[in-house]
PDB file of N, CA and C in Angstrom:
ATOM      1  N   UNK A   1     -14.280  -0.354  -1.610  1.00  0.00           N
ATOM      2  CA  UNK A   1     -13.459   0.599  -1.508  1.00  0.00           C
ATOM      3  C   UNK A   1     -13.077   1.526  -0.385  1.00  0.00           C
ATOM      4  N   UNK A   2     -11.573   1.485  -0.156  1.00  0.00           N
ATOM      5  CA  UNK A   2     -11.284   2.416   1.051  1.00  0.00           C
ATOM      6  C   UNK A   2     -10.909   3.684   0.620  1.00  0.00           C
ATOM      7  N   UNK A   3     -10.851   4.657   1.154  1.00  0.00           N
ATOM      8  CA  UNK A   3     -10.342   6.149   1.061  1.00  0.00           C
ATOM      9  C   UNK A   3      -9.088   6.156   1.610  1.00  0.00           C
ATOM     10  N   UNK A   4      -8.311   7.634   1.472  1.00  0.00           N
ATOM     11  CA  UNK A   4      -7.115   8.027   2.267  1.00  0.00           C
ATOM     12  C   UNK A   4      -7.351   8.044   3.454  1.00  0.00           C
ATOM     13  N   UNK A   5      -8.613   8.569   4.063  1.00  0.00           N
ATOM     14  CA  UNK A   5      -8.663   8.642   5.209  1.00  0.00           C
ATOM     15  C   UNK A   5      -8.851   7.148   6.084  1.00  0.00           C
ATOM     16  N   UNK A   6      -9.149   6.170   5.650  1.00  0.00           N
ATOM     17  CA  UNK A   6      -9.017   4.539   5.895  1.00  0.00           C
ATOM     18  C   UNK A   6      -7.820   4.432   5.959  1.00  0.00           C
ATOM     19  N   UNK A   7      -7.189   4.667   4.996  1.00  0.00           N
ATOM     20  CA  UNK A   7      -5.302   4.117   4.996  1.00  0.00           C
ATOM     21  C   UNK A   7      -4.805   4.714   5.887  1.00  0.00           C
ATOM     22  N   UNK A   8      -4.955   6.198   6.172  1.00  0.00           N
ATOM     23  CA  UNK A   8      -4.201   7.014   7.309  1.00  0.00           C
ATOM     24  C   UNK A   8      -4.659   6.180   8.664  1.00  0.00           C
ATOM     25  N   UNK A   9      -5.688   5.833   8.986  1.00  0.00           N
ATOM     26  CA  UNK A   9      -6.163   5.076  10.252  1.00  0.00           C
ATOM     27  C   UNK A   9      -5.221   3.806  10.387  1.00  0.00           C
ATOM     28  N   UNK A  10      -5.629   2.946   9.186  1.00  0.00           N
ATOM     29  CA  UNK A  10      -5.165   1.713   9.215  1.00  0.00           C
ATOM     30  C   UNK A  10      -3.410   1.739   9.443  1.00  0.00           C
ATOM     31  N   UNK A  11      -2.765   2.834   8.836  1.00  0.00           N
ATOM     32  CA  UNK A  11      -1.051   2.791   8.897  1.00  0.00           C
ATOM     33  C   UNK A  11      -0.861   3.346  10.303  1.00  0.00           C
ATOM     34  N   UNK A  12      -1.608   4.315  11.076  1.00  0.00           N
ATOM     35  CA  UNK A  12      -1.400   4.491  12.394  1.00  0.00           C
ATOM     36  C   UNK A  12      -1.718   3.316  13.107  1.00  0.00           C
ATOM     37  N   UNK A  13      -2.639   2.576  13.120  1.00  0.00           N
ATOM     38  CA  UNK A  13      -2.823   1.488  13.771  1.00  0.00           C
ATOM     39  C   UNK A  13      -1.959   0.199  13.614  1.00  0.00           C
ATOM     40  N   UNK A  14      -1.537  -0.021  12.515  1.00  0.00           N
ATOM     41  CA  UNK A  14      -0.052  -0.760  12.175  1.00  0.00           C
ATOM     42  C   UNK A  14       1.107  -0.505  12.905  1.00  0.00           C
ATOM     43  N   UNK A  15       1.079   0.588  13.145  1.00  0.00           N
ATOM     44  CA  UNK A  15       2.374   1.238  13.883  1.00  0.00           C
ATOM     45  C   UNK A  15       2.106   1.293  15.187  1.00  0.00           C
ATOM     46  N   UNK A  16       0.776   1.064  15.805  1.00  0.00           N
ATOM     47  CA  UNK A  16       0.397   1.321  17.185  1.00  0.00           C
ATOM     48  C   UNK A  16       0.632   2.781  17.768  1.00  0.00           C
ATOM     49  N   UNK A  17       0.295   3.601  16.892  1.00  0.00           N
ATOM     50  CA  UNK A  17       0.554   4.755  16.975  1.00  0.00           C
ATOM     51  C   UNK A  17      -0.968   5.511  17.869  1.00  0.00           C
ATOM     52  N   UNK A  18      -1.805   4.933  17.077  1.00  0.00           N
ATOM     53  CA  UNK A  18      -3.632   4.899  17.648  1.00  0.00           C
ATOM     54  C   UNK A  18      -4.243   3.619  18.283  1.00  0.00           C
ATOM     55  N   UNK A  19      -4.614   4.025  19.334  1.00  0.00           N
ATOM     56  CA  UNK A  19      -5.542   2.789  19.815  1.00  0.00           C
ATOM     57  C   UNK A  19      -6.852   2.550  19.242  1.00  0.00           C
ATOM     58  N   UNK A  20      -7.505   1.831  19.402  1.00  0.00           N
ATOM     59  CA  UNK A  20      -8.870   1.409  19.461  1.00  0.00           C
ATOM     60  C   UNK A  20      -9.828   2.266  19.538  1.00  0.00           C
ATOM     61  N   UNK A  21     -10.767   3.256  19.050  1.00  0.00           N
ATOM     62  CA  UNK A  21     -11.540   4.037  19.717  1.00  0.00           C
ATOM     63  C   UNK A  21     -11.104   5.363  19.998  1.00  0.00           C
ATOM     64  N   UNK A  22      -9.975   5.540  19.993  1.00  0.00           N
ATOM     65  CA  UNK A  22      -9.161   7.057  20.290  1.00  0.00           C
ATOM     66  C   UNK A  22      -9.196   7.940  18.761  1.00  0.00           C
ATOM     67  N   UNK A  23      -9.105   9.083  19.378  1.00  0.00           N
ATOM     68  CA  UNK A  23      -9.115  10.087  17.635  1.00  0.00           C
ATOM     69  C   UNK A  23      -7.372   9.944  17.100  1.00  0.00           C
ATOM     70  N   UNK A  24      -7.471  10.354  16.161  1.00  0.00           N
ATOM     71  CA  UNK A  24      -5.986  10.661  15.923  1.00  0.00           C
ATOM     72  C   UNK A  24      -5.577  11.937  15.755  1.00  0.00           C
ATOM     73  N   UNK A  25      -4.177  11.884  16.133  1.00  0.00           N
ATOM     74  CA  UNK A  25      -3.439  13.436  16.262  1.00  0.00           C
ATOM     75  C   UNK A  25      -3.482  13.890  14.931  1.00  0.00           C
ATOM     76  N   UNK A  26      -3.628  15.106  14.632  1.00  0.00           N
ATOM     77  CA  UNK A  26      -3.546  15.724  13.244  1.00  0.00           C
ATOM     78  C   UNK A  26      -2.110  15.953  13.090  1.00  0.00           C
ATOM     79  N   UNK A  27      -1.298  15.842  13.925  1.00  0.00           N
ATOM     80  CA  UNK A  27       0.421  15.671  13.521  1.00  0.00           C
ATOM     81  C   UNK A  27       0.356  14.281  12.953  1.00  0.00           C
ATOM     82  N   UNK A  28       0.163  13.381  13.332  1.00  0.00           N
ATOM     83  CA  UNK A  28       0.544  11.970  13.204  1.00  0.00           C
ATOM     84  C   UNK A  28      -0.167  11.736  11.639  1.00  0.00           C
ATOM     85  N   UNK A  29      -1.473  11.987  11.600  1.00  0.00           N
ATOM     86  CA  UNK A  29      -2.016  12.126  10.467  1.00  0.00           C
ATOM     87  C   UNK A  29      -1.436  12.872   8.969  1.00  0.00           C
ATOM     88  N   UNK A  30      -1.257  13.871   9.476  1.00  0.00           N
ATOM     89  CA  UNK A  30      -0.444  14.611   8.432  1.00  0.00           C
ATOM     90  C   UNK A  30       0.838  14.131   8.211  1.00  0.00           C
ATOM     91  N   UNK A  31       1.264  13.497   9.173  1.00  0.00           N
ATOM     92  CA  UNK A  31       2.676  12.637   8.394  1.00  0.00           C
ATOM     93  C   UNK A  31       2.582  11.565   7.528  1.00  0.00           C
ATOM     94  N   UNK A  32       1.806  10.907   8.141  1.00  0.00           N
ATOM     95  CA  UNK A  32       1.263   9.707   7.033  1.00  0.00           C
ATOM     96  C   UNK A  32       0.613   9.979   5.707  1.00  0.00           C
ATOM     97  N   UNK A  33      -0.076  11.196   5.751  1.00  0.00           N
ATOM     98  CA  UNK A  33      -0.362  12.053   4.434  1.00  0.00           C
ATOM     99  C   UNK A  33       0.345  12.159   3.321  1.00  0.00           C
ATOM    100  N   UNK A  34       1.375  12.926   3.890  1.00  0.00           N
ATOM    101  CA  UNK A  34       2.777  13.442   3.396  1.00  0.00           C
ATOM    102  C   UNK A  34       3.351  12.108   2.682  1.00  0.00           C
ATOM    103  N   UNK A  35       3.058  10.943   3.292  1.00  0.00           N
ATOM    104  CA  UNK A  35       4.344   9.884   2.592  1.00  0.00           C
ATOM    105  C   UNK A  35       3.245   9.091   2.018  1.00  0.00           C
ATOM    106  N   UNK A  36       2.130   9.122   1.786  1.00  0.00           N
ATOM    107  CA  UNK A  36       1.118   8.347   1.044  1.00  0.00           C
ATOM    108  C   UNK A  36       1.259   8.274  -0.662  1.00  0.00           C
ATOM    109  N   UNK A  37       1.476   9.231  -1.185  1.00  0.00           N
ATOM    110  CA  UNK A  37       1.655   9.495  -2.369  1.00  0.00           C
ATOM    111  C   UNK A  37       2.950   9.115  -2.985  1.00  0.00           C
ATOM    112  N   UNK A  38       3.966   9.532  -2.242  1.00  0.00           N
ATOM    113  CA  UNK A  38       5.455   8.973  -2.654  1.00  0.00           C
ATOM    114  C   UNK A  38       5.555   7.630  -2.656  1.00  0.00           C
ATOM    115  N   UNK A  39       4.940   6.861  -1.504  1.00  0.00           N
ATOM    116  CA  UNK A  39       5.097   5.478  -1.469  1.00  0.00           C
ATOM    117  C   UNK A  39       4.154   4.882  -2.540  1.00  0.00           C
ATOM    118  N   UNK A  40       2.991   5.383  -2.967  1.00  0.00           N
ATOM    119  CA  UNK A  40       2.531   4.806  -4.221  1.00  0.00           C
ATOM    120  C   UNK A  40       3.205   4.778  -5.340  1.00  0.00           C
ATOM    121  N   UNK A  41       3.597   6.087  -5.768  1.00  0.00           N
ATOM    122  CA  UNK A  41       4.447   6.524  -6.696  1.00  0.00           C
ATOM    123  C   UNK A  41       5.573   5.350  -7.025  1.00  0.00           C
ATOM    124  N   UNK A  42       6.486   5.320  -5.732  1.00  0.00           N
ATOM    125  CA  UNK A  42       7.073   4.256  -5.829  1.00  0.00           C
ATOM    126  C   UNK A  42       7.023   3.000  -5.991  1.00  0.00           C
ATOM    127  N   UNK A  43       5.990   2.448  -5.493  1.00  0.00           N
ATOM    128  CA  UNK A  43       5.498   1.164  -5.861  1.00  0.00           C
ATOM    129  C   UNK A  43       5.110   1.061  -7.228  1.00  0.00           C
ATOM    130  N   UNK A  44       4.496   1.805  -8.086  1.00  0.00           N
ATOM    131  CA  UNK A  44       4.126   2.011  -9.295  1.00  0.00           C
ATOM    132  C   UNK A  44       5.328   2.081 -10.321  1.00  0.00           C
ATOM    133  N   UNK A  45       6.535   2.934  -9.735  1.00  0.00           N
ATOM    134  CA  UNK A  45       7.543   2.616 -10.399  1.00  0.00           C
ATOM    135  C   UNK A  45       8.576   1.862 -10.533  1.00  0.00           C
ATOM    136  N   UNK A  46       8.367   1.035  -9.627  1.00  0.00           N
ATOM    137  CA  UNK A  46       8.971  -0.022  -9.564  1.00  0.00           C
ATOM    138  C   UNK A  46       8.096  -1.587 -10.030  1.00  0.00           C
ATOM    139  N   UNK A  47       7.036  -1.159 -10.575  1.00  0.00           N
ATOM    140  CA  UNK A  47       5.918  -2.262 -11.117  1.00  0.00           C
ATOM    141  C   UNK A  47       5.708  -3.224  -9.952  1.00  0.00           C
ATOM    142  N   UNK A  48       5.339  -2.669  -8.628  1.00  0.00           N
ATOM    143  CA  UNK A  48       4.643  -3.519  -7.554  1.00  0.00           C
ATOM    144  C   UNK A  48       3.325  -3.636  -7.682  1.00  0.00           C
ATOM    145  N   UNK A  49       2.724  -2.071  -8.126  1.00  0.00           N
ATOM    146  CA  UNK A  49       1.457  -1.828  -7.605  1.00  0.00           C
ATOM    147  C   UNK A  49       0.974  -1.106  -9.428  1.00  0.00           C
ATOM    148  N   UNK A  50      -0.143  -1.032  -9.683  1.00  0.00           N
ATOM    149  CA  UNK A  50      -0.682  -0.103 -10.711  1.00  0.00           C
ATOM    150  C   UNK A  50      -0.858   1.388 -10.209  1.00  0.00           C
ATOM    151  N   UNK A  51      -1.382   1.887 -11.055  1.00  0.00           N
ATOM    152  CA  UNK A  51      -1.903   3.571 -10.752  1.00  0.00           C
ATOM    153  C   UNK A  51      -3.057   3.514  -9.811  1.00  0.00           C
ATOM    154  N   UNK A  52      -2.996   3.874  -8.662  1.00  0.00           N
ATOM    155  CA  UNK A  52      -4.083   3.595  -7.623  1.00  0.00           C
ATOM    156  C   UNK A  52      -4.542   4.909  -7.376  1.00  0.00           C
ATOM    157  N   UNK A  53      -6.123   5.125  -7.498  1.00  0.00           N
ATOM    158  CA  UNK A  53      -6.660   6.578  -6.876  1.00  0.00           C
ATOM    159  C   UNK A  53      -6.704   6.424  -5.316  1.00  0.00           C
ATOM    160  N   UNK A  54      -6.176   7.330  -5.188  1.00  0.00           N
ATOM    161  CA  UNK A  54      -6.018   7.362  -3.346  1.00  0.00           C
ATOM    162  C   UNK A  54      -7.511   7.378  -2.808  1.00  0.00           C
ATOM    163  N   UNK A  55      -8.447   7.773  -3.652  1.00  0.00           N
ATOM    164  CA  UNK A  55      -9.707   7.964  -2.835  1.00  0.00           C
ATOM    165  C   UNK A  55     -10.566   6.389  -3.102  1.00  0.00           C
ATOM    166  N   UNK A  56     -10.060   5.773  -3.882  1.00  0.00           N
ATOM    167  CA  UNK A  56     -11.070   4.492  -4.207  1.00  0.00           C
ATOM    168  C   UNK A  56      -9.694   3.100  -4.337  1.00  0.00           C
ATOM    169  N   UNK A  57      -9.182   3.209  -2.916  1.00  0.00           N
ATOM    170  CA  UNK A  57      -8.364   2.079  -2.843  1.00  0.00           C
ATOM    171  C   UNK A  57      -8.990   0.437  -2.859  1.00  0.00           C
ATOM    172  N   UNK A  58      -8.621  -0.415  -4.061  1.00  0.00           N
ATOM    173  CA  UNK A  58      -9.371  -1.567  -3.684  1.00  0.00           C
ATOM    174  C   UNK A  58      -9.122  -2.205  -2.597  1.00  0.00           C
ATOM    175  N   UNK A  59      -9.970  -2.993  -1.941  1.00  0.00           N
ATOM    176  CA  UNK A  59      -9.919  -3.603  -0.907  1.00  0.00           C
ATOM    177  C   UNK A  59      -9.033  -4.812  -1.289  1.00  0.00           C
ATOM    178  N   UNK A  60      -8.754  -5.318  -2.063  1.00  0.00           N
ATOM    179  CA  UNK A  60      -7.688  -6.353  -2.492  1.00  0.00           C
ATOM    180  C   UNK A  60      -6.212  -5.796  -2.079  1.00  0.00           C
ATOM    181  N   UNK A  61      -6.153  -4.545  -2.226  1.00  0.00           N
ATOM    182  CA  UNK A  61      -4.533  -4.243  -2.116  1.00  0.00           C
ATOM    183  C   UNK A  61      -4.543  -3.394  -1.096  1.00  0.00           C
ATOM    184  N   UNK A  62      -5.547  -3.017  -0.034  1.00  0.00           N
ATOM    185  CA  UNK A  62      -5.468  -2.115   1.082  1.00  0.00           C
ATOM    186  C   UNK A  62      -4.593  -2.472   2.218  1.00  0.00           C
ATOM    187  N   UNK A  63      -4.602  -3.669   2.346  1.00  0.00           N
ATOM    188  CA  UNK A  63      -3.793  -4.250   3.546  1.00  0.00           C
ATOM    189  C   UNK A  63      -2.477  -4.068   3.104  1.00  0.00           C
ATOM    190  N   UNK A  64      -2.016  -4.349   2.431  1.00  0.00           N
ATOM    191  CA  UNK A  64      -0.772  -4.455   1.620  1.00  0.00           C
ATOM    192  C   UNK A  64      -0.160  -2.936   1.595  1.00  0.00           C
ATOM    193  N   UNK A  65      -1.052  -2.099   1.249  1.00  0.00           N
ATOM    194  CA  UNK A  65      -0.376  -0.858   0.783  1.00  0.00           C
ATOM    195  C   UNK A  65      -0.463  -0.055   2.039  1.00  0.00           C
ATOM    196  N   UNK A  66      -1.204  -0.402   3.190  1.00  0.00           N
ATOM    197  CA  UNK A  66      -1.352   0.165   4.537  1.00  0.00           C
ATOM    198  C   UNK A  66      -0.135  -0.463   5.042  1.00  0.00           C
ATOM    199  N   UNK A  67       0.349  -1.636   4.865  1.00  0.00           N
ATOM    200  CA  UNK A  67       1.917  -1.988   5.189  1.00  0.00           C
ATOM    201  C   UNK A  67       2.852  -1.365   4.948  1.00  0.00           C
ATOM    202  N   UNK A  68       2.893  -1.283   3.464  1.00  0.00           N
ATOM    203  CA  UNK A  68       4.133  -0.432   2.639  1.00  0.00           C
ATOM    204  C   UNK A  68       4.171   0.860   3.207  1.00  0.00           C
ATOM    205  N   UNK A  69       2.977   1.568   3.761  1.00  0.00           N
ATOM    206  CA  UNK A  69       3.292   2.896   3.943  1.00  0.00           C
ATOM    207  C   UNK A  69       3.311   3.002   5.264  1.00  0.00           C
ATOM    208  N   UNK A  70       3.103   2.204   6.201  1.00  0.00           N
ATOM    209  CA  UNK A  70       3.561   1.912   7.593  1.00  0.00           C
ATOM    210  C   UNK A  70       4.967   1.968   7.866  1.00  0.00           C
ATOM    211  N   UNK A  71       5.678   1.007   7.019  1.00  0.00           N
ATOM    212  CA  UNK A  71       7.042   0.579   7.069  1.00  0.00           C
ATOM    213  C   UNK A  71       7.680   1.831   6.628  1.00  0.00           C
ATOM    214  N   UNK A  72       7.351   2.704   5.853  1.00  0.00           N
ATOM    215  CA  UNK A  72       7.829   3.800   5.055  1.00  0.00           C
ATOM    216  C   UNK A  72       7.947   5.055   6.241  1.00  0.00           C
ATOM    217  N   UNK A  73       6.796   4.907   7.055  1.00  0.00           N
ATOM    218  CA  UNK A  73       6.497   6.028   8.019  1.00  0.00           C
ATOM    219  C   UNK A  73       7.133   5.478   9.496  1.00  0.00           C
ATOM    220  N   UNK A  74       7.710   4.410   9.446  1.00  0.00           N
ATOM    221  CA  UNK A  74       8.199   3.971  10.858  1.00  0.00           C
ATOM    222  C   UNK A  74       8.954   4.778  11.360  1.00  0.00           C
ATOM    223  N   UNK A  75      10.222   5.007  10.822  1.00  0.00           N
ATOM    224  CA  UNK A  75      11.295   5.858  11.334  1.00  0.00           C
ATOM    225  C   UNK A  75      10.938   7.086  11.964  1.00  0.00           C
ATOM    226  N   UNK A  76       9.867   8.014  11.069  1.00  0.00           N
ATOM    227  CA  UNK A  76       9.159   9.144  11.798  1.00  0.00           C
ATOM    228  C   UNK A  76       8.664   8.762  12.853  1.00  0.00           C
ATOM    229  N   UNK A  77       8.331   7.890  13.170  1.00  0.00           N
ATOM    230  CA  UNK A  77       7.577   7.485  14.598  1.00  0.00           C
ATOM    231  C   UNK A  77       8.133   6.874  15.690  1.00  0.00           C
ATOM    232  N   UNK A  78       9.977   6.942  15.173  1.00  0.00           N
ATOM    233  CA  UNK A  78      10.710   6.535  16.264  1.00  0.00           C
ATOM    234  C   UNK A  78      10.620   4.647  16.322  1.00  0.00           C
ATOM    235  N   UNK A  79      10.202   4.047  15.113  1.00  0.00           N
ATOM    236  CA  UNK A  79      10.121   2.515  15.351  1.00  0.00           C
ATOM    237  C   UNK A  79      11.005   2.203  13.940  1.00  0.00           C
ATOM    238  N   UNK A  80      11.526   1.026  14.111  1.00  0.00           N
ATOM    239  CA  UNK A  80      12.325   0.565  13.206  1.00  0.00           C
ATOM    240  C   UNK A  80      11.682   0.026  11.843  1.00  0.00           C
ATOM    241  N   UNK A  81      12.014  -0.002  10.589  1.00  0.00           N
ATOM    242  CA  UNK A  81      11.612  -0.660   9.435  1.00  0.00           C
ATOM    243  C   UNK A  81      11.871  -1.957   9.531  1.00  0.00           C
ATOM    244  N   UNK A  82      10.962  -3.001   9.396  1.00  0.00           N
ATOM    245  CA  UNK A  82      11.357  -4.214   8.933  1.00  0.00           C
ATOM    246  C   UNK A  82      11.449  -4.421   7.407  1.00  0.00           C
ATOM    247  N   UNK A  83      12.448  -4.730   7.127  1.00  0.00           N
ATOM    248  CA  UNK A  83      12.842  -5.028   5.466  1.00  0.00           C
ATOM    249  C   UNK A  83      11.727  -6.264   5.086  1.00  0.00           C
ATOM    250  N   UNK A  84      11.711  -7.105   5.812  1.00  0.00           N
ATOM    251  CA  UNK A  84      11.258  -8.547   5.359  1.00  0.00           C
ATOM    252  C   UNK A  84       9.625  -8.240   5.207  1.00  0.00           C
ATOM    253  N   UNK A  85       9.187  -7.355   6.068  1.00  0.00           N
ATOM    254  CA  UNK A  85       7.681  -6.932   6.131  1.00  0.00           C
ATOM    255  C   UNK A  85       7.337  -6.469   5.047  1.00  0.00           C
ATOM    256  N   UNK A  86       8.062  -5.286   4.591  1.00  0.00           N
ATOM    257  CA  UNK A  86       8.274  -4.615   3.654  1.00  0.00           C
ATOM    258  C   UNK A  86       7.993  -5.336   2.273  1.00  0.00           C
ATOM    259  N   UNK A  87       9.231  -6.385   2.355  1.00  0.00           N
ATOM    260  CA  UNK A  87       9.273  -6.965   1.172  1.00  0.00           C
ATOM    261  C   UNK A  87       8.307  -8.070   1.025  1.00  0.00           C
ATOM    262  N   UNK A  88       7.621  -8.167   2.016  1.00  0.00           N
ATOM    263  CA  UNK A  88       6.396  -9.409   1.911  1.00  0.00           C
ATOM    264  C   UNK A  88       5.408  -8.831   1.336  1.00  0.00           C
ATOM    265  N   UNK A  89       4.944  -7.347   1.873  1.00  0.00           N
ATOM    266  CA  UNK A  89       4.096  -6.831   1.413  1.00  0.00           C
ATOM    267  C   UNK A  89       4.159  -6.198   0.024  1.00  0.00           C
ATOM    268  N   UNK A  90       5.053  -5.962  -0.489  1.00  0.00           N
ATOM    269  CA  UNK A  90       5.227  -5.610  -2.054  1.00  0.00           C
ATOM    270  C   UNK A  90       5.137  -6.788  -2.979  1.00  0.00           C
ATOM    271  N   UNK A  91       5.589  -8.209  -2.314  1.00  0.00           N
ATOM    272  CA  UNK A  91       5.318  -9.396  -3.040  1.00  0.00           C
ATOM    273  C   UNK A  91       4.127  -9.715  -3.283  1.00  0.00           C
ATOM    274  N   UNK A  92       3.435  -9.312  -2.182  1.00  0.00           N
ATOM    275  CA  UNK A  92       1.714  -9.468  -2.511  1.00  0.00           C
ATOM    276  C   UNK A  92       1.044  -8.435  -2.976  1.00  0.00           C
ATOM    277  N   UNK A  93       1.557  -7.430  -3.213  1.00  0.00           N
ATOM    278  CA  UNK A  93       0.934  -6.377  -4.142  1.00  0.00           C
ATOM    279  C   UNK A  93       1.287  -7.011  -5.800  1.00  0.00           C
ATOM    280  N   UNK A  94       2.370  -7.457  -5.781  1.00  0.00           N
ATOM    281  CA  UNK A  94       2.991  -7.665  -7.110  1.00  0.00           C
ATOM    282  C   UNK A  94       2.027  -8.677  -7.684  1.00  0.00           C
ATOM    283  N   UNK A  95       1.877  -9.889  -6.660  1.00  0.00           N
ATOM    284  CA  UNK A  95       0.915 -11.284  -6.995  1.00  0.00           C
ATOM    285  C   UNK A  95      -0.304 -10.755  -7.438  1.00  0.00           C
ATOM    286  N   UNK A  96      -1.091  -9.430  -6.531  1.00  0.00           N
ATOM    287  CA  UNK A  96      -2.280  -9.492  -6.199  1.00  0.00           C
ATOM    288  C   UNK A  96      -2.443  -8.862  -7.844  1.00  0.00           C
ATOM    289  N   UNK A  97      -1.818  -7.763  -8.096  1.00  0.00           N
ATOM    290  CA  UNK A  97      -2.101  -6.890  -9.388  1.00  0.00           C
ATOM    291  C   UNK A  97      -1.505  -7.854 -10.777  1.00  0.00           C
ATOM    292  N   UNK A  98      -0.705  -9.146 -10.566  1.00  0.00           N
ATOM    293  CA  UNK A  98      -0.275  -9.357 -11.806  1.00  0.00           C
ATOM    294  C   UNK A  98      -1.251 -10.114 -13.014  1.00  0.00           C
ATOM    295  N   UNK A  99      -0.937  -9.694 -14.097  1.00  0.00           N
ATOM    296  CA  UNK A  99      -1.804 -10.368 -15.391  1.00  0.00           C
ATOM    297  C   UNK A  99      -1.650 -11.833 -15.263  1.00  0.00           C
ATOM    298  N   UNK A 100      -2.383 -12.503 -15.009  1.00  0.00           N
ATOM    299  CA  UNK A 100      -2.482 -14.053 -15.192  1.00  0.00           C
ATOM    300  C   UNK A 100      -2.482 -14.712 -16.362  1.00  0.00           C
ATOM    301  N   UNK A 101      -2.475 -15.510 -16.665  1.00  0.00           N
ATOM    302  CA  UNK A 101      -2.601 -16.351 -18.313  1.00  0.00           C
ATOM    303  C   UNK A 101      -3.917 -16.113 -18.231  1.00  0.00           C
ATOM    304  N   UNK A 102      -3.903 -16.397 -20.031  1.00  0.00           N
ATOM    305  CA  UNK A 102      -5.535 -15.700 -20.566  1.00  0.00           C
ATOM    306  C   UNK A 102      -5.913 -16.879 -20.670  1.00  0.00           C
ATOM    307  N   UNK A 103      -5.480 -18.053 -20.924  1.00  0.00           N
ATOM    308  CA  UNK A 103      -6.175 -19.424 -21.482  1.00  0.00           C
ATOM    309  C   UNK A 103      -7.074 -19.175 -22.519  1.00  0.00           C
ATOM    310  N   UNK A 104      -6.889 -18.010 -23.144  1.00  0.00           N
ATOM    311  CA  UNK A 104      -7.435 -17.992 -24.532  1.00  0.00           C
ATOM    312  C   UNK A 104      -7.230 -18.666 -25.946  1.00  0.00           C
ATOM    313  N   UNK A 105      -7.684 -18.793 -26.727  1.00  0.00           N
ATOM    314  CA  UNK A 105      -7.457 -19.204 -28.038  1.00  0.00           C
ATOM    315  C   UNK A 105      -6.635 -18.330 -28.597  1.00  0.00           C
ATOM    316  N   UNK A 106      -5.347 -18.700 -29.528  1.00  0.00           N
ATOM    317  CA  UNK A 106      -4.063 -18.168 -29.506  1.00  0.00           C
ATOM    318  C   UNK A 106      -4.326 -18.073 -31.170  1.00  0.00           C
ATOM    319  N   UNK A 107      -4.241 -17.171 -31.956  1.00  0.00           N
ATOM    320  CA  UNK A 107      -4.753 -17.298 -33.364  1.00  0.00           C
ATOM    321  C   UNK A 107      -3.042 -17.149 -34.214  1.00  0.00           C
ATOM    322  N   UNK A 108      -2.552 -18.277 -35.005  1.00  0.00           N
ATOM    323  CA  UNK A 108      -1.572 -18.403 -35.512  1.00  0.00           C
ATOM    324  C   UNK A 108      -1.396 -17.917 -36.606  1.00  0.00           C
ATOM    325  N   UNK A 109      -0.254 -17.504 -37.260  1.00  0.00           N
ATOM    326  CA  UNK A 109      -0.220 -16.873 -38.604  1.00  0.00           C
ATOM    327  C   UNK A 109       0.747 -17.700 -39.242  1.00  0.00           C
ATOM    328  N   UNK A 110       0.577 -18.103 -40.138  1.00  0.00           N
ATOM    329  CA  UNK A 110       1.571 -19.026 -41.203  1.00  0.00           C
ATOM    330  C   UNK A 110       2.097 -18.096 -42.342  1.00  0.00           C
ATOM    331  N   UNK A 111       3.266 -17.990 -42.574  1.00  0.00           N
ATOM    332  CA  UNK A 111       4.199 -17.385 -43.525  1.00  0.00           C
ATOM    333  C   UNK A 111       4.082 -18.283 -44.975  1.00  0.00           C
TER     334      UNK A 111
END
């Protein structure tokens, strides 16, 4: 499980704002932090992801959530958002959180 701090680090890494081994600027971290909850709520409202605890992000969803937050933050860092990248991350989230077939016995009711 990843935390919000891990997510912030990953988002800044995706945007090439922070280099490996260097500290993160407080302003950059605050900017990303401000957009995490709205991004998660937007994904949940559009049924791309379930309700997610920001301090316990499932590993299976981490990279795609980081990608979505990064694309949402891109303009604030002077970068252009890639709609195809955002759509791909959203679709992977939807696939990862989709309920699969149950393959269980079905009870029939005859009238």
